[in-house]
Amino acid sequence: MTFYSDMADVADDLITEFGQSVTLKVAAGTTYDPASGGVTVTYTDQVGHGCTVDFDKGLIDGEKIRIGDRLVLLSPFGLTEPTEGDKLVIGSDTWNIVPPVTVTNPAGTPVLYEVQVRK
């Protein structure tokens, strides 16, 4: 084990203890229906742990961060790096990922994903 993998273990333990189970719905592809003209996105689910917090009111500017947005600290265990187009299910609510995702990744070892989500 390296120092950073130990830190990832500690982060995972804390997020698991104080957070909750989440499902990352990773956009896996799209299908075009010529009859309706619509596009259907398919997702693959990944289950992990996250801790949700409110943004400080002073950071809410109405554009980059809006009222109702949440910050989610995700353990990287069991999850790939979230990207725009993915969704995050927390409890019974489904949230859209707002880019950019901040990745704490020293020496190539993901320790934490910080994700802004919006309904």
PDB file of N, CA and C in Angstrom:
ATOM      1  N   MET A   1       0.837  -1.185   0.000  1.00  0.00           N
ATOM      2  CA  MET A   1       0.000   0.000   0.000  1.00  0.00           C
ATOM      3  C   MET A   1       0.881   1.247   0.000  1.00  0.00           C
ATOM      4  N   THR A   2       0.394   2.240  -0.676  1.00  0.00           N
ATOM      5  CA  THR A   2       1.107   3.509  -0.694  1.00  0.00           C
ATOM      6  C   THR A   2       0.378   4.487   0.212  1.00  0.00           C
ATOM      7  N   PHE A   3       1.015   5.606   0.450  1.00  0.00           N
ATOM      8  CA  PHE A   3       0.408   6.642   1.279  1.00  0.00           C
ATOM      9  C   PHE A   3      -0.943   7.079   0.706  1.00  0.00           C
ATOM     10  N   TYR A   4      -1.008   7.279  -0.617  1.00  0.00           N
ATOM     11  CA  TYR A   4      -2.243   7.783  -1.221  1.00  0.00           C
ATOM     12  C   TYR A   4      -3.351   6.740  -1.238  1.00  0.00           C
ATOM     13  N   SER A   5      -3.020   5.493  -1.396  1.00  0.00           N
ATOM     14  CA  SER A   5      -4.075   4.474  -1.325  1.00  0.00           C
ATOM     15  C   SER A   5      -4.595   4.358   0.106  1.00  0.00           C
ATOM     16  N   ASP A   6      -3.722   4.576   1.097  1.00  0.00           N
ATOM     17  CA  ASP A   6      -4.177   4.628   2.488  1.00  0.00           C
ATOM     18  C   ASP A   6      -5.126   5.811   2.692  1.00  0.00           C
ATOM     19  N   MET A   7      -4.802   6.956   2.084  1.00  0.00           N
ATOM     20  CA  MET A   7      -5.668   8.135   2.201  1.00  0.00           C
ATOM     21  C   MET A   7      -7.018   7.874   1.528  1.00  0.00           C
ATOM     22  N   ALA A   8      -7.015   7.172   0.401  1.00  0.00           N
ATOM     23  CA  ALA A   8      -8.267   6.820  -0.272  1.00  0.00           C
ATOM     24  C   ALA A   8      -9.110   5.914   0.625  1.00  0.00           C
ATOM     25  N   ASP A   9      -8.463   4.993   1.334  1.00  0.00           N
ATOM     26  CA  ASP A   9      -9.181   4.116   2.270  1.00  0.00           C
ATOM     27  C   ASP A   9      -9.816   4.920   3.398  1.00  0.00           C
ATOM     28  N   VAL A  10      -9.070   5.889   3.938  1.00  0.00           N
ATOM     29  CA  VAL A  10      -9.592   6.737   5.016  1.00  0.00           C
ATOM     30  C   VAL A  10     -10.774   7.559   4.508  1.00  0.00           C
ATOM     31  N   ALA A  11     -10.626   8.165   3.322  1.00  0.00           N
ATOM     32  CA  ALA A  11     -11.723   8.957   2.747  1.00  0.00           C
ATOM     33  C   ALA A  11     -12.956   8.087   2.545  1.00  0.00           C
ATOM     34  N   ASP A  12     -12.757   6.874   2.027  1.00  0.00           N
ATOM     35  CA  ASP A  12     -13.880   5.965   1.818  1.00  0.00           C
ATOM     36  C   ASP A  12     -14.548   5.601   3.142  1.00  0.00           C
ATOM     37  N   ASP A  13     -13.753   5.310   4.162  1.00  0.00           N
ATOM     38  CA  ASP A  13     -14.318   4.970   5.476  1.00  0.00           C
ATOM     39  C   ASP A  13     -15.174   6.113   6.019  1.00  0.00           C
ATOM     40  N   LEU A  14     -14.675   7.348   5.923  1.00  0.00           N
ATOM     41  CA  LEU A  14     -15.414   8.504   6.442  1.00  0.00           C
ATOM     42  C   LEU A  14     -16.683   8.774   5.643  1.00  0.00           C
ATOM     43  N   ILE A  15     -16.581   8.709   4.320  1.00  0.00           N
ATOM     44  CA  ILE A  15     -17.757   8.948   3.480  1.00  0.00           C
ATOM     45  C   ILE A  15     -18.793   7.849   3.687  1.00  0.00           C
ATOM     46  N   THR A  16     -18.347   6.613   3.846  1.00  0.00           N
ATOM     47  CA  THR A  16     -19.275   5.512   4.094  1.00  0.00           C
ATOM     48  C   THR A  16     -19.973   5.685   5.442  1.00  0.00           C
ATOM     49  N   GLU A  17     -19.205   6.097   6.459  1.00  0.00           N
ATOM     50  CA  GLU A  17     -19.776   6.261   7.797  1.00  0.00           C
ATOM     51  C   GLU A  17     -20.731   7.445   7.887  1.00  0.00           C
ATOM     52  N   PHE A  18     -20.365   8.571   7.299  1.00  0.00           N
ATOM     53  CA  PHE A  18     -21.157   9.790   7.476  1.00  0.00           C
ATOM     54  C   PHE A  18     -22.020  10.146   6.280  1.00  0.00           C
ATOM     55  N   GLY A  19     -21.871   9.415   5.179  1.00  0.00           N
ATOM     56  CA  GLY A  19     -22.658   9.689   3.983  1.00  0.00           C
ATOM     57  C   GLY A  19     -23.733   8.643   3.781  1.00  0.00           C
ATOM     58  N   GLN A  20     -23.989   8.344   2.529  1.00  0.00           N
ATOM     59  CA  GLN A  20     -25.025   7.382   2.190  1.00  0.00           C
ATOM     60  C   GLN A  20     -24.689   6.706   0.869  1.00  0.00           C
ATOM     61  N   SER A  21     -25.421   5.648   0.567  1.00  0.00           N
ATOM     62  CA  SER A  21     -25.248   4.946  -0.695  1.00  0.00           C
ATOM     63  C   SER A  21     -25.787   5.821  -1.828  1.00  0.00           C
ATOM     64  N   VAL A  22     -25.063   5.864  -2.936  1.00  0.00           N
ATOM     65  CA  VAL A  22     -25.486   6.614  -4.113  1.00  0.00           C
ATOM     66  C   VAL A  22     -25.320   5.720  -5.339  1.00  0.00           C
ATOM     67  N   THR A  23     -26.036   6.062  -6.396  1.00  0.00           N
ATOM     68  CA  THR A  23     -25.891   5.352  -7.661  1.00  0.00           C
ATOM     69  C   THR A  23     -25.474   6.352  -8.731  1.00  0.00           C
ATOM     70  N   LEU A  24     -24.335   6.101  -9.336  1.00  0.00           N
ATOM     71  CA  LEU A  24     -23.878   6.911 -10.455  1.00  0.00           C
ATOM     72  C   LEU A  24     -24.393   6.255 -11.722  1.00  0.00           C
ATOM     73  N   LYS A  25     -25.207   6.984 -12.470  1.00  0.00           N
ATOM     74  CA  LYS A  25     -25.740   6.494 -13.732  1.00  0.00           C
ATOM     75  C   LYS A  25     -24.842   7.051 -14.833  1.00  0.00           C
ATOM     76  N   VAL A  26     -23.990   6.187 -15.371  1.00  0.00           N
ATOM     77  CA  VAL A  26     -23.005   6.587 -16.374  1.00  0.00           C
ATOM     78  C   VAL A  26     -23.624   6.464 -17.761  1.00  0.00           C
ATOM     79  N   ALA A  27     -23.626   7.580 -18.502  1.00  0.00           N
ATOM     80  CA  ALA A  27     -24.173   7.569 -19.861  1.00  0.00           C
ATOM     81  C   ALA A  27     -23.358   6.606 -20.709  1.00  0.00           C
ATOM     82  N   ALA A  28     -24.034   5.567 -21.235  1.00  0.00           N
ATOM     83  CA  ALA A  28     -23.337   4.509 -21.964  1.00  0.00           C
ATOM     84  C   ALA A  28     -23.548   4.594 -23.469  1.00  0.00           C
ATOM     85  N   GLY A  29     -24.511   5.387 -23.907  1.00  0.00           N
ATOM     86  CA  GLY A  29     -24.759   5.492 -25.340  1.00  0.00           C
ATOM     87  C   GLY A  29     -26.124   6.080 -25.614  1.00  0.00           C
ATOM     88  N   THR A  30     -26.378   6.325 -26.871  1.00  0.00           N
ATOM     89  CA  THR A  30     -27.669   6.884 -27.269  1.00  0.00           C
ATOM     90  C   THR A  30     -28.244   6.076 -28.416  1.00  0.00           C
ATOM     91  N   THR A  31     -29.558   6.115 -28.500  1.00  0.00           N
ATOM     92  CA  THR A  31     -30.272   5.452 -29.586  1.00  0.00           C
ATOM     93  C   THR A  31     -31.224   6.465 -30.197  1.00  0.00           C
ATOM     94  N   TYR A  32     -31.196   6.595 -31.519  1.00  0.00           N
ATOM     95  CA  TYR A  32     -32.077   7.517 -32.233  1.00  0.00           C
ATOM     96  C   TYR A  32     -33.285   6.760 -32.749  1.00  0.00           C
ATOM     97  N   ASP A  33     -34.477   7.308 -32.480  1.00  0.00           N
ATOM     98  CA  ASP A  33     -35.722   6.723 -32.978  1.00  0.00           C
ATOM     99  C   ASP A  33     -36.211   7.591 -34.133  1.00  0.00           C
ATOM    100  N   PRO A  34     -36.052   7.143 -35.369  1.00  0.00           N
ATOM    101  CA  PRO A  34     -36.447   7.965 -36.510  1.00  0.00           C
ATOM    102  C   PRO A  34     -37.952   8.240 -36.564  1.00  0.00           C
ATOM    103  N   ALA A  35     -38.759   7.351 -36.024  1.00  0.00           N
ATOM    104  CA  ALA A  35     -40.210   7.548 -36.047  1.00  0.00           C
ATOM    105  C   ALA A  35     -40.625   8.740 -35.197  1.00  0.00           C
ATOM    106  N   SER A  36     -40.015   8.868 -34.013  1.00  0.00           N
ATOM    107  CA  SER A  36     -40.390   9.972 -33.121  1.00  0.00           C
ATOM    108  C   SER A  36     -39.431  11.147 -33.225  1.00  0.00           C
ATOM    109  N   GLY A  37     -38.239  10.896 -33.774  1.00  0.00           N
ATOM    110  CA  GLY A  37     -37.229  11.947 -33.843  1.00  0.00           C
ATOM    111  C   GLY A  37     -36.524  12.156 -32.516  1.00  0.00           C
ATOM    112  N   GLY A  38     -36.792  11.277 -31.563  1.00  0.00           N
ATOM    113  CA  GLY A  38     -36.201  11.411 -30.233  1.00  0.00           C
ATOM    114  C   GLY A  38     -34.944  10.582 -30.063  1.00  0.00           C
ATOM    115  N   VAL A  39     -34.185  10.955 -29.061  1.00  0.00           N
ATOM    116  CA  VAL A  39     -32.965  10.243 -28.716  1.00  0.00           C
ATOM    117  C   VAL A  39     -33.124   9.693 -27.303  1.00  0.00           C
ATOM    118  N   THR A  40     -32.772   8.436 -27.115  1.00  0.00           N
ATOM    119  CA  THR A  40     -32.828   7.801 -25.808  1.00  0.00           C
ATOM    120  C   THR A  40     -31.408   7.541 -25.331  1.00  0.00           C
ATOM    121  N   VAL A  41     -31.117   7.970 -24.110  1.00  0.00           N
ATOM    122  CA  VAL A  41     -29.806   7.731 -23.514  1.00  0.00           C
ATOM    123  C   VAL A  41     -29.901   6.474 -22.657  1.00  0.00           C
ATOM    124  N   THR A  42     -28.919   5.586 -22.801  1.00  0.00           N
ATOM    125  CA  THR A  42     -28.854   4.412 -21.944  1.00  0.00           C
ATOM    126  C   THR A  42     -27.750   4.623 -20.905  1.00  0.00           C
ATOM    127  N   TYR A  43     -27.962   4.071 -19.724  1.00  0.00           N
ATOM    128  CA  TYR A  43     -27.039   4.258 -18.607  1.00  0.00           C
ATOM    129  C   TYR A  43     -26.624   2.911 -18.035  1.00  0.00           C
ATOM    130  N   THR A  44     -25.422   2.876 -17.487  1.00  0.00           N
ATOM    131  CA  THR A  44     -25.007   1.759 -16.659  1.00  0.00           C
ATOM    132  C   THR A  44     -24.873   2.287 -15.237  1.00  0.00           C
ATOM    133  N   ASP A  45     -25.315   1.491 -14.279  1.00  0.00           N
ATOM    134  CA  ASP A  45     -25.318   1.923 -12.886  1.00  0.00           C
ATOM    135  C   ASP A  45     -24.074   1.444 -12.149  1.00  0.00           C
ATOM    136  N   GLN A  46     -23.531   2.344 -11.331  1.00  0.00           N
ATOM    137  CA  GLN A  46     -22.420   2.019 -10.444  1.00  0.00           C
ATOM    138  C   GLN A  46     -22.830   2.470  -9.043  1.00  0.00           C
ATOM    139  N   VAL A  47     -22.685   1.601  -8.065  1.00  0.00           N
ATOM    140  CA  VAL A  47     -23.086   1.914  -6.696  1.00  0.00           C
ATOM    141  C   VAL A  47     -21.855   2.268  -5.875  1.00  0.00           C
ATOM    142  N   GLY A  48     -21.952   3.376  -5.148  1.00  0.00           N
ATOM    143  CA  GLY A  48     -20.857   3.817  -4.299  1.00  0.00           C
ATOM    144  C   GLY A  48     -21.391   4.570  -3.103  1.00  0.00           C
ATOM    145  N   HIS A  49     -20.538   5.411  -2.518  1.00  0.00           N
ATOM    146  CA  HIS A  49     -20.921   6.184  -1.342  1.00  0.00           C
ATOM    147  C   HIS A  49     -20.601   7.653  -1.556  1.00  0.00           C
ATOM    148  N   GLY A  50     -21.482   8.505  -1.019  1.00  0.00           N
ATOM    149  CA  GLY A  50     -21.280   9.944  -1.131  1.00  0.00           C
ATOM    150  C   GLY A  50     -21.810  10.662   0.086  1.00  0.00           C
ATOM    151  N   CYS A  51     -21.301  11.856   0.290  1.00  0.00           N
ATOM    152  CA  CYS A  51     -21.720  12.723   1.387  1.00  0.00           C
ATOM    153  C   CYS A  51     -22.157  14.048   0.763  1.00  0.00           C
ATOM    154  N   THR A  52     -23.405  14.429   0.972  1.00  0.00           N
ATOM    155  CA  THR A  52     -23.984  15.604   0.338  1.00  0.00           C
ATOM    156  C   THR A  52     -23.985  16.791   1.301  1.00  0.00           C
ATOM    157  N   VAL A  53     -23.547  17.940   0.796  1.00  0.00           N
ATOM    158  CA  VAL A  53     -23.533  19.165   1.603  1.00  0.00           C
ATOM    159  C   VAL A  53     -24.094  20.321   0.783  1.00  0.00           C
ATOM    160  N   ASP A  54     -24.596  21.327   1.480  1.00  0.00           N
ATOM    161  CA  ASP A  54     -25.086  22.542   0.825  1.00  0.00           C
ATOM    162  C   ASP A  54     -23.912  23.450   0.494  1.00  0.00           C
ATOM    163  N   PHE A  55     -24.064  24.239  -0.553  1.00  0.00           N
ATOM    164  CA  PHE A  55     -23.081  25.268  -0.848  1.00  0.00           C
ATOM    165  C   PHE A  55     -23.262  26.433   0.117  1.00  0.00           C
ATOM    166  N   ASP A  56     -22.178  27.075   0.500  1.00  0.00           N
ATOM    167  CA  ASP A  56     -22.246  28.292   1.299  1.00  0.00           C
ATOM    168  C   ASP A  56     -23.038  29.325   0.511  1.00  0.00           C
ATOM    169  N   LYS A  57     -23.957  30.015   1.153  1.00  0.00           N
ATOM    170  CA  LYS A  57     -24.827  30.977   0.462  1.00  0.00           C
ATOM    171  C   LYS A  57     -24.034  32.058  -0.264  1.00  0.00           C
ATOM    172  N   GLY A  58     -22.844  32.377   0.225  1.00  0.00           N
ATOM    173  CA  GLY A  58     -22.020  33.384  -0.424  1.00  0.00           C
ATOM    174  C   GLY A  58     -21.470  32.932  -1.767  1.00  0.00           C
ATOM    175  N   LEU A  59     -21.472  31.634  -2.017  1.00  0.00           N
ATOM    176  CA  LEU A  59     -20.965  31.103  -3.288  1.00  0.00           C
ATOM    177  C   LEU A  59     -22.039  31.042  -4.373  1.00  0.00           C
ATOM    178  N   ILE A  60     -23.303  31.153  -3.981  1.00  0.00           N
ATOM    179  CA  ILE A  60     -24.399  31.042  -4.934  1.00  0.00           C
ATOM    180  C   ILE A  60     -24.470  32.335  -5.747  1.00  0.00           C
ATOM    181  N   ASP A  61     -24.175  32.227  -7.058  1.00  0.00           N
ATOM    182  CA  ASP A  61     -24.171  33.403  -7.920  1.00  0.00           C
ATOM    183  C   ASP A  61     -25.313  33.394  -8.933  1.00  0.00           C
ATOM    184  N   GLY A  62     -26.124  32.335  -8.933  1.00  0.00           N
ATOM    185  CA  GLY A  62     -27.256  32.251  -9.841  1.00  0.00           C
ATOM    186  C   GLY A  62     -26.899  31.712 -11.212  1.00  0.00           C
ATOM    187  N   GLU A  63     -25.623  31.594 -11.522  1.00  0.00           N
ATOM    188  CA  GLU A  63     -25.205  31.058 -12.811  1.00  0.00           C
ATOM    189  C   GLU A  63     -24.385  29.785 -12.629  1.00  0.00           C
ATOM    190  N   LYS A  64     -23.175  29.926 -12.124  1.00  0.00           N
ATOM    191  CA  LYS A  64     -22.323  28.753 -11.925  1.00  0.00           C
ATOM    192  C   LYS A  64     -22.870  27.875 -10.807  1.00  0.00           C
ATOM    193  N   ILE A  65     -23.262  28.502  -9.725  1.00  0.00           N
ATOM    194  CA  ILE A  65     -23.888  27.784  -8.608  1.00  0.00           C
ATOM    195  C   ILE A  65     -25.259  28.417  -8.377  1.00  0.00           C
ATOM    196  N   ARG A  66     -26.285  27.597  -8.455  1.00  0.00           N
ATOM    197  CA  ARG A  66     -27.662  28.072  -8.310  1.00  0.00           C
ATOM    198  C   ARG A  66     -28.252  27.604  -6.988  1.00  0.00           C
ATOM    199  N   ILE A  67     -29.301  28.301  -6.564  1.00  0.00           N
ATOM    200  CA  ILE A  67     -30.032  27.872  -5.371  1.00  0.00           C
ATOM    201  C   ILE A  67     -30.547  26.453  -5.628  1.00  0.00           C
ATOM    202  N   GLY A  68     -30.328  25.565  -4.689  1.00  0.00           N
ATOM    203  CA  GLY A  68     -30.760  24.174  -4.822  1.00  0.00           C
ATOM    204  C   GLY A  68     -29.657  23.232  -5.266  1.00  0.00           C
ATOM    205  N   ASP A  69     -28.556  23.773  -5.810  1.00  0.00           N
ATOM    206  CA  ASP A  69     -27.425  22.918  -6.171  1.00  0.00           C
ATOM    207  C   ASP A  69     -26.835  22.327  -4.898  1.00  0.00           C
ATOM    208  N   ARG A  70     -26.239  21.162  -5.044  1.00  0.00           N
ATOM    209  CA  ARG A  70     -25.596  20.496  -3.913  1.00  0.00           C
ATOM    210  C   ARG A  70     -24.184  20.106  -4.302  1.00  0.00           C
ATOM    211  N   LEU A  71     -23.332  19.983  -3.306  1.00  0.00           N
ATOM    212  CA  LEU A  71     -21.974  19.484  -3.490  1.00  0.00           C
ATOM    213  C   LEU A  71     -21.941  18.080  -2.911  1.00  0.00           C
ATOM    214  N   VAL A  72     -21.452  17.131  -3.696  1.00  0.00           N
ATOM    215  CA  VAL A  72     -21.379  15.746  -3.245  1.00  0.00           C
ATOM    216  C   VAL A  72     -19.913  15.310  -3.252  1.00  0.00           C
ATOM    217  N   LEU A  73     -19.466  14.816  -2.114  1.00  0.00           N
ATOM    218  CA  LEU A  73     -18.132  14.243  -1.991  1.00  0.00           C
ATOM    219  C   LEU A  73     -18.286  12.743  -2.184  1.00  0.00           C
ATOM    220  N   LEU A  74     -17.677  12.217  -3.241  1.00  0.00           N
ATOM    221  CA  LEU A  74     -17.831  10.815  -3.587  1.00  0.00           C
ATOM    222  C   LEU A  74     -16.545  10.044  -3.336  1.00  0.00           C
ATOM    223  N   SER A  75     -16.699   8.872  -2.759  1.00  0.00           N
ATOM    224  CA  SER A  75     -15.580   7.944  -2.673  1.00  0.00           C
ATOM    225  C   SER A  75     -15.355   7.378  -4.068  1.00  0.00           C
ATOM    226  N   PRO A  76     -14.114   7.248  -4.507  1.00  0.00           N
ATOM    227  CA  PRO A  76     -13.878   6.687  -5.840  1.00  0.00           C
ATOM    228  C   PRO A  76     -14.059   5.169  -5.897  1.00  0.00           C
ATOM    229  N   PHE A  77     -14.225   4.517  -4.750  1.00  0.00           N
ATOM    230  CA  PHE A  77     -14.349   3.054  -4.735  1.00  0.00           C
ATOM    231  C   PHE A  77     -15.674   2.644  -5.377  1.00  0.00           C
ATOM    232  N   GLY A  78     -15.592   1.861  -6.419  1.00  0.00           N
ATOM    233  CA  GLY A  78     -16.777   1.362  -7.111  1.00  0.00           C
ATOM    234  C   GLY A  78     -17.311   2.302  -8.170  1.00  0.00           C
ATOM    235  N   LEU A  79     -16.704   3.488  -8.317  1.00  0.00           N
ATOM    236  CA  LEU A  79     -17.205   4.483  -9.270  1.00  0.00           C
ATOM    237  C   LEU A  79     -16.108   4.915 -10.230  1.00  0.00           C
ATOM    238  N   THR A  80     -16.493   5.147 -11.476  1.00  0.00           N
ATOM    239  CA  THR A  80     -15.589   5.805 -12.405  1.00  0.00           C
ATOM    240  C   THR A  80     -15.740   7.306 -12.211  1.00  0.00           C
ATOM    241  N   GLU A  81     -14.839   8.077 -12.781  1.00  0.00           N
ATOM    242  CA  GLU A  81     -14.912   9.533 -12.637  1.00  0.00           C
ATOM    243  C   GLU A  81     -16.180  10.050 -13.310  1.00  0.00           C
ATOM    244  N   PRO A  82     -17.048  10.744 -12.553  1.00  0.00           N
ATOM    245  CA  PRO A  82     -18.281  11.275 -13.137  1.00  0.00           C
ATOM    246  C   PRO A  82     -17.970  12.339 -14.194  1.00  0.00           C
ATOM    247  N   THR A  83     -18.811  12.399 -15.225  1.00  0.00           N
ATOM    248  CA  THR A  83     -18.653  13.392 -16.274  1.00  0.00           C
ATOM    249  C   THR A  83     -20.007  13.999 -16.618  1.00  0.00           C
ATOM    250  N   GLU A  84     -19.964  15.068 -17.393  1.00  0.00           N
ATOM    251  CA  GLU A  84     -21.200  15.699 -17.849  1.00  0.00           C
ATOM    252  C   GLU A  84     -22.021  14.679 -18.629  1.00  0.00           C
ATOM    253  N   GLY A  85     -23.317  14.655 -18.386  1.00  0.00           N
ATOM    254  CA  GLY A  85     -24.198  13.677 -19.021  1.00  0.00           C
ATOM    255  C   GLY A  85     -24.539  12.525 -18.096  1.00  0.00           C
ATOM    256  N   ASP A  86     -23.702  12.310 -17.067  1.00  0.00           N
ATOM    257  CA  ASP A  86     -24.009  11.301 -16.061  1.00  0.00           C
ATOM    258  C   ASP A  86     -25.036  11.866 -15.084  1.00  0.00           C
ATOM    259  N   LYS A  87     -25.654  10.980 -14.344  1.00  0.00           N
ATOM    260  CA  LYS A  87     -26.618  11.377 -13.319  1.00  0.00           C
ATOM    261  C   LYS A  87     -26.223  10.708 -12.006  1.00  0.00           C
ATOM    262  N   LEU A  88     -26.655  11.315 -10.905  1.00  0.00           N
ATOM    263  CA  LEU A  88     -26.368  10.766  -9.591  1.00  0.00           C
ATOM    264  C   LEU A  88     -27.680  10.601  -8.845  1.00  0.00           C
ATOM    265  N   VAL A  89     -27.960   9.382  -8.411  1.00  0.00           N
ATOM    266  CA  VAL A  89     -29.185   9.100  -7.658  1.00  0.00           C
ATOM    267  C   VAL A  89     -28.819   9.077  -6.179  1.00  0.00           C
ATOM    268  N   ILE A  90     -29.453   9.968  -5.419  1.00  0.00           N
ATOM    269  CA  ILE A  90     -29.241  10.070  -3.977  1.00  0.00           C
ATOM    270  C   ILE A  90     -30.604   9.914  -3.327  1.00  0.00           C
ATOM    271  N   GLY A  91     -30.790   8.833  -2.594  1.00  0.00           N
ATOM    272  CA  GLY A  91     -32.115   8.550  -2.040  1.00  0.00           C
ATOM    273  C   GLY A  91     -33.076   8.310  -3.194  1.00  0.00           C
ATOM    274  N   SER A  92     -34.172   9.059  -3.221  1.00  0.00           N
ATOM    275  CA  SER A  92     -35.145   8.915  -4.302  1.00  0.00           C
ATOM    276  C   SER A  92     -35.012  10.022  -5.342  1.00  0.00           C
ATOM    277  N   ASP A  93     -34.001  10.868  -5.214  1.00  0.00           N
ATOM    278  CA  ASP A  93     -33.816  11.996  -6.132  1.00  0.00           C
ATOM    279  C   ASP A  93     -32.719  11.706  -7.152  1.00  0.00           C
ATOM    280  N   THR A  94     -32.978  12.102  -8.398  1.00  0.00           N
ATOM    281  CA  THR A  94     -31.987  11.984  -9.455  1.00  0.00           C
ATOM    282  C   THR A  94     -31.481  13.379  -9.803  1.00  0.00           C
ATOM    283  N   TRP A  95     -30.162  13.527  -9.785  1.00  0.00           N
ATOM    284  CA  TRP A  95     -29.504  14.808 -10.014  1.00  0.00           C
ATOM    285  C   TRP A  95     -28.640  14.733 -11.268  1.00  0.00           C
ATOM    286  N   ASN A  96     -28.497  15.873 -11.952  1.00  0.00           N
ATOM    287  CA  ASN A  96     -27.606  15.987 -13.095  1.00  0.00           C
ATOM    288  C   ASN A  96     -26.238  16.452 -12.621  1.00  0.00           C
ATOM    289  N   ILE A  97     -25.183  15.919 -13.218  1.00  0.00           N
ATOM    290  CA  ILE A  97     -23.817  16.324 -12.907  1.00  0.00           C
ATOM    291  C   ILE A  97     -23.545  17.662 -13.602  1.00  0.00           C
ATOM    292  N   VAL A  98     -23.022  18.631 -12.837  1.00  0.00           N
ATOM    293  CA  VAL A  98     -22.650  19.936 -13.389  1.00  0.00           C
ATOM    294  C   VAL A  98     -21.124  19.971 -13.491  1.00  0.00           C
ATOM    295  N   PRO A  99     -20.591  20.134 -14.712  1.00  0.00           N
ATOM    296  CA  PRO A  99     -19.134  20.160 -14.839  1.00  0.00           C
ATOM    297  C   PRO A  99     -18.555  21.470 -14.316  1.00  0.00           C
ATOM    298  N   PRO A 100     -17.293  21.489 -13.958  1.00  0.00           N
ATOM    299  CA  PRO A 100     -16.352  20.378 -13.995  1.00  0.00           C
ATOM    300  C   PRO A 100     -16.399  19.581 -12.694  1.00  0.00           C
ATOM    301  N   VAL A 101     -15.972  18.330 -12.756  1.00  0.00           N
ATOM    302  CA  VAL A 101     -15.817  17.489 -11.579  1.00  0.00           C
ATOM    303  C   VAL A 101     -14.389  17.671 -11.083  1.00  0.00           C
ATOM    304  N   THR A 102     -14.242  17.889  -9.781  1.00  0.00           N
ATOM    305  CA  THR A 102     -12.908  18.030  -9.202  1.00  0.00           C
ATOM    306  C   THR A 102     -12.459  16.669  -8.689  1.00  0.00           C
ATOM    307  N   VAL A 103     -11.283  16.248  -9.137  1.00  0.00           N
ATOM    308  CA  VAL A 103     -10.750  14.949  -8.738  1.00  0.00           C
ATOM    309  C   VAL A 103      -9.484  15.176  -7.924  1.00  0.00           C
ATOM    310  N   THR A 104      -9.493  14.674  -6.696  1.00  0.00           N
ATOM    311  CA  THR A 104      -8.269  14.658  -5.905  1.00  0.00           C
ATOM    312  C   THR A 104      -7.575  13.356  -6.269  1.00  0.00           C
ATOM    313  N   ASN A 105      -6.446  13.475  -6.993  1.00  0.00           N
ATOM    314  CA  ASN A 105      -5.818  12.317  -7.600  1.00  0.00           C
ATOM    315  C   ASN A 105      -4.292  12.440  -7.530  1.00  0.00           C
ATOM    316  N   PRO A 106      -3.736  12.454  -6.318  1.00  0.00           N
ATOM    317  CA  PRO A 106      -2.280  12.574  -6.223  1.00  0.00           C
ATOM    318  C   PRO A 106      -1.583  11.294  -6.678  1.00  0.00           C
ATOM    319  N   ALA A 107      -0.555  11.454  -7.462  1.00  0.00           N
ATOM    320  CA  ALA A 107       0.275  10.328  -7.923  1.00  0.00           C
ATOM    321  C   ALA A 107      -0.541   9.247  -8.629  1.00  0.00           C
ATOM    322  N   GLY A 108      -1.649   9.652  -9.288  1.00  0.00           N
ATOM    323  CA  GLY A 108      -2.443   8.689 -10.049  1.00  0.00           C
ATOM    324  C   GLY A 108      -3.363   7.818  -9.230  1.00  0.00           C
ATOM    325  N   THR A 109      -3.586   8.170  -7.966  1.00  0.00           N
ATOM    326  CA  THR A 109      -4.480   7.401  -7.098  1.00  0.00           C
ATOM    327  C   THR A 109      -5.691   8.250  -6.741  1.00  0.00           C
ATOM    328  N   PRO A 110      -6.867   7.983  -7.340  1.00  0.00           N
ATOM    329  CA  PRO A 110      -8.054   8.769  -6.986  1.00  0.00           C
ATOM    330  C   PRO A 110      -8.392   8.599  -5.504  1.00  0.00           C
ATOM    331  N   VAL A 111      -8.546   9.729  -4.816  1.00  0.00           N
ATOM    332  CA  VAL A 111      -8.868   9.730  -3.390  1.00  0.00           C
ATOM    333  C   VAL A 111     -10.289  10.236  -3.163  1.00  0.00           C
ATOM    334  N   LEU A 112     -10.735  11.202  -3.994  1.00  0.00           N
ATOM    335  CA  LEU A 112     -12.026  11.854  -3.774  1.00  0.00           C
ATOM    336  C   LEU A 112     -12.496  12.499  -5.062  1.00  0.00           C
ATOM    337  N   TYR A 113     -13.811  12.401  -5.335  1.00  0.00           N
ATOM    338  CA  TYR A 113     -14.452  13.150  -6.410  1.00  0.00           C
ATOM    339  C   TYR A 113     -15.357  14.191  -5.759  1.00  0.00           C
ATOM    340  N   GLU A 114     -15.239  15.450  -6.189  1.00  0.00           N
ATOM    341  CA  GLU A 114     -16.140  16.511  -5.741  1.00  0.00           C
ATOM    342  C   GLU A 114     -17.030  16.863  -6.904  1.00  0.00           C
ATOM    343  N   VAL A 115     -18.350  16.674  -6.722  1.00  0.00           N
ATOM    344  CA  VAL A 115     -19.294  16.801  -7.816  1.00  0.00           C
ATOM    345  C   VAL A 115     -20.397  17.802  -7.438  1.00  0.00           C
ATOM    346  N   GLN A 116     -20.628  18.761  -8.321  1.00  0.00           N
ATOM    347  CA  GLN A 116     -21.777  19.654  -8.156  1.00  0.00           C
ATOM    348  C   GLN A 116     -22.940  19.021  -8.898  1.00  0.00           C
ATOM    349  N   VAL A 117     -24.099  18.957  -8.235  1.00  0.00           N
ATOM    350  CA  VAL A 117     -25.284  18.363  -8.858  1.00  0.00           C
ATOM    351  C   VAL A 117     -26.439  19.368  -8.838  1.00  0.00           C
ATOM    352  N   ARG A 118     -27.335  19.174  -9.818  1.00  0.00           N
ATOM    353  CA  ARG A 118     -28.482  20.084  -9.984  1.00  0.00           C
ATOM    354  C   ARG A 118     -29.673  19.268 -10.471  1.00  0.00           C
ATOM    355  N   LYS A 119     -30.854  19.630 -10.016  1.00  0.00           N
ATOM    356  CA  LYS A 119     -32.084  18.958 -10.497  1.00  0.00           C
ATOM    357  C   LYS A 119     -32.537  19.574 -11.787  1.00  0.00           C
TER     358      LYS A 119
END
